[in-house]
Protein backbone atom coordinates (compact mmCIF):
# COMPACT_ATOMS: atom_id res chain seq x y z
CA MET A 1 -7.93 10.85 -2.04
CA THR A 2 -7.08 7.84 0.06
CA ASN A 3 -4.04 7.37 2.23
CA LYS A 4 -1.32 4.90 1.35
CA SER A 5 0.70 2.81 3.77
CA TYR A 6 4.42 3.43 4.21
CA THR A 7 7.19 1.82 6.23
CA VAL A 8 9.22 4.37 8.18
CA LEU A 9 12.91 4.12 7.19
CA SER A 10 14.22 6.96 9.37
CA GLY A 11 12.89 9.48 11.85
CA SER A 12 9.43 9.21 13.35
CA PHE A 13 5.87 10.13 12.42
CA ARG A 14 2.60 10.51 14.28
CA ASP A 15 -0.48 8.57 13.27
CA HIS A 16 -4.10 9.72 13.42
CA ASN A 17 -4.25 8.79 17.13
CA ASP A 18 -1.19 10.96 17.87
CA ALA A 19 0.90 7.86 18.61
CA VAL A 20 4.57 7.99 17.60
CA ILE A 21 5.57 5.60 14.79
CA GLY A 22 9.31 4.92 14.70
CA VAL A 23 11.71 3.20 12.32
CA GLY A 24 10.27 -0.04 10.96
CA GLY A 25 6.70 0.96 11.80
CA THR A 26 3.85 1.47 9.35
CA VAL A 27 2.12 4.79 8.90
CA GLU A 28 -0.71 5.87 6.59
CA LEU A 29 -0.19 9.21 4.86
CA PRO A 30 -1.75 11.19 2.03
CA ASP A 31 0.33 11.47 -1.17
CA ASP A 32 1.28 15.13 -0.69
CA VAL A 33 2.75 14.47 2.76
CA ALA A 34 4.55 11.32 1.61
CA VAL A 35 6.22 13.24 -1.22
CA ARG A 36 7.72 15.70 1.26
CA PHE A 37 9.18 12.85 3.33
CA ARG A 38 9.97 10.46 0.45
CA ASN A 39 13.56 9.91 1.66
CA GLN A 40 12.29 8.61 4.99
CA LEU A 41 9.52 6.34 3.70
CA LEU A 42 9.05 3.19 1.66
CA GLU A 43 5.62 2.66 0.11
CA ILE A 44 3.97 -0.65 0.89
CA LYS A 45 2.58 -1.97 -2.36
CA GLN A 46 -0.99 -3.18 -2.06
CA LYS A 47 -1.84 -6.37 -3.87
CA GLY A 48 -4.55 -5.84 -6.46
CA ALA A 49 -7.89 -7.56 -6.32
CA PRO A 50 -7.76 -10.99 -7.88
CA THR A 51 -9.04 -11.11 -11.41
CA LYS A 52 -12.20 -13.04 -12.10
CA SER A 53 -11.73 -16.30 -13.90
CA SER A 54 -13.92 -16.94 -16.90
CA GLY A 55 -14.10 -20.63 -16.04
CA ALA A 56 -12.55 -23.70 -17.53
CA ALA A 57 -11.70 -23.78 -21.21
CA LYS A 58 -14.16 -25.70 -23.33
CA GLU A 59 -12.97 -28.77 -25.12
CA GLY A 60 -14.56 -30.72 -27.90
CA PRO A 61 -15.79 -30.30 -31.44
CA ASP A 62 -18.40 -27.62 -30.60
CA VAL A 63 -15.84 -25.02 -29.55
């Protein structure tokens, strides 16, 4: 299970280096921890990998 990134909306959290992350900061947490603090966090949506293009459309009578 990988961690997801969240923006802290209220309170504070500690990251893996024991540094305090306050309101407006970004923290990475596992899903089970994020569920417990869901009212204090906003998930940062990761953009998906770009889809591969199949190339330009063919034109002409042999299509």
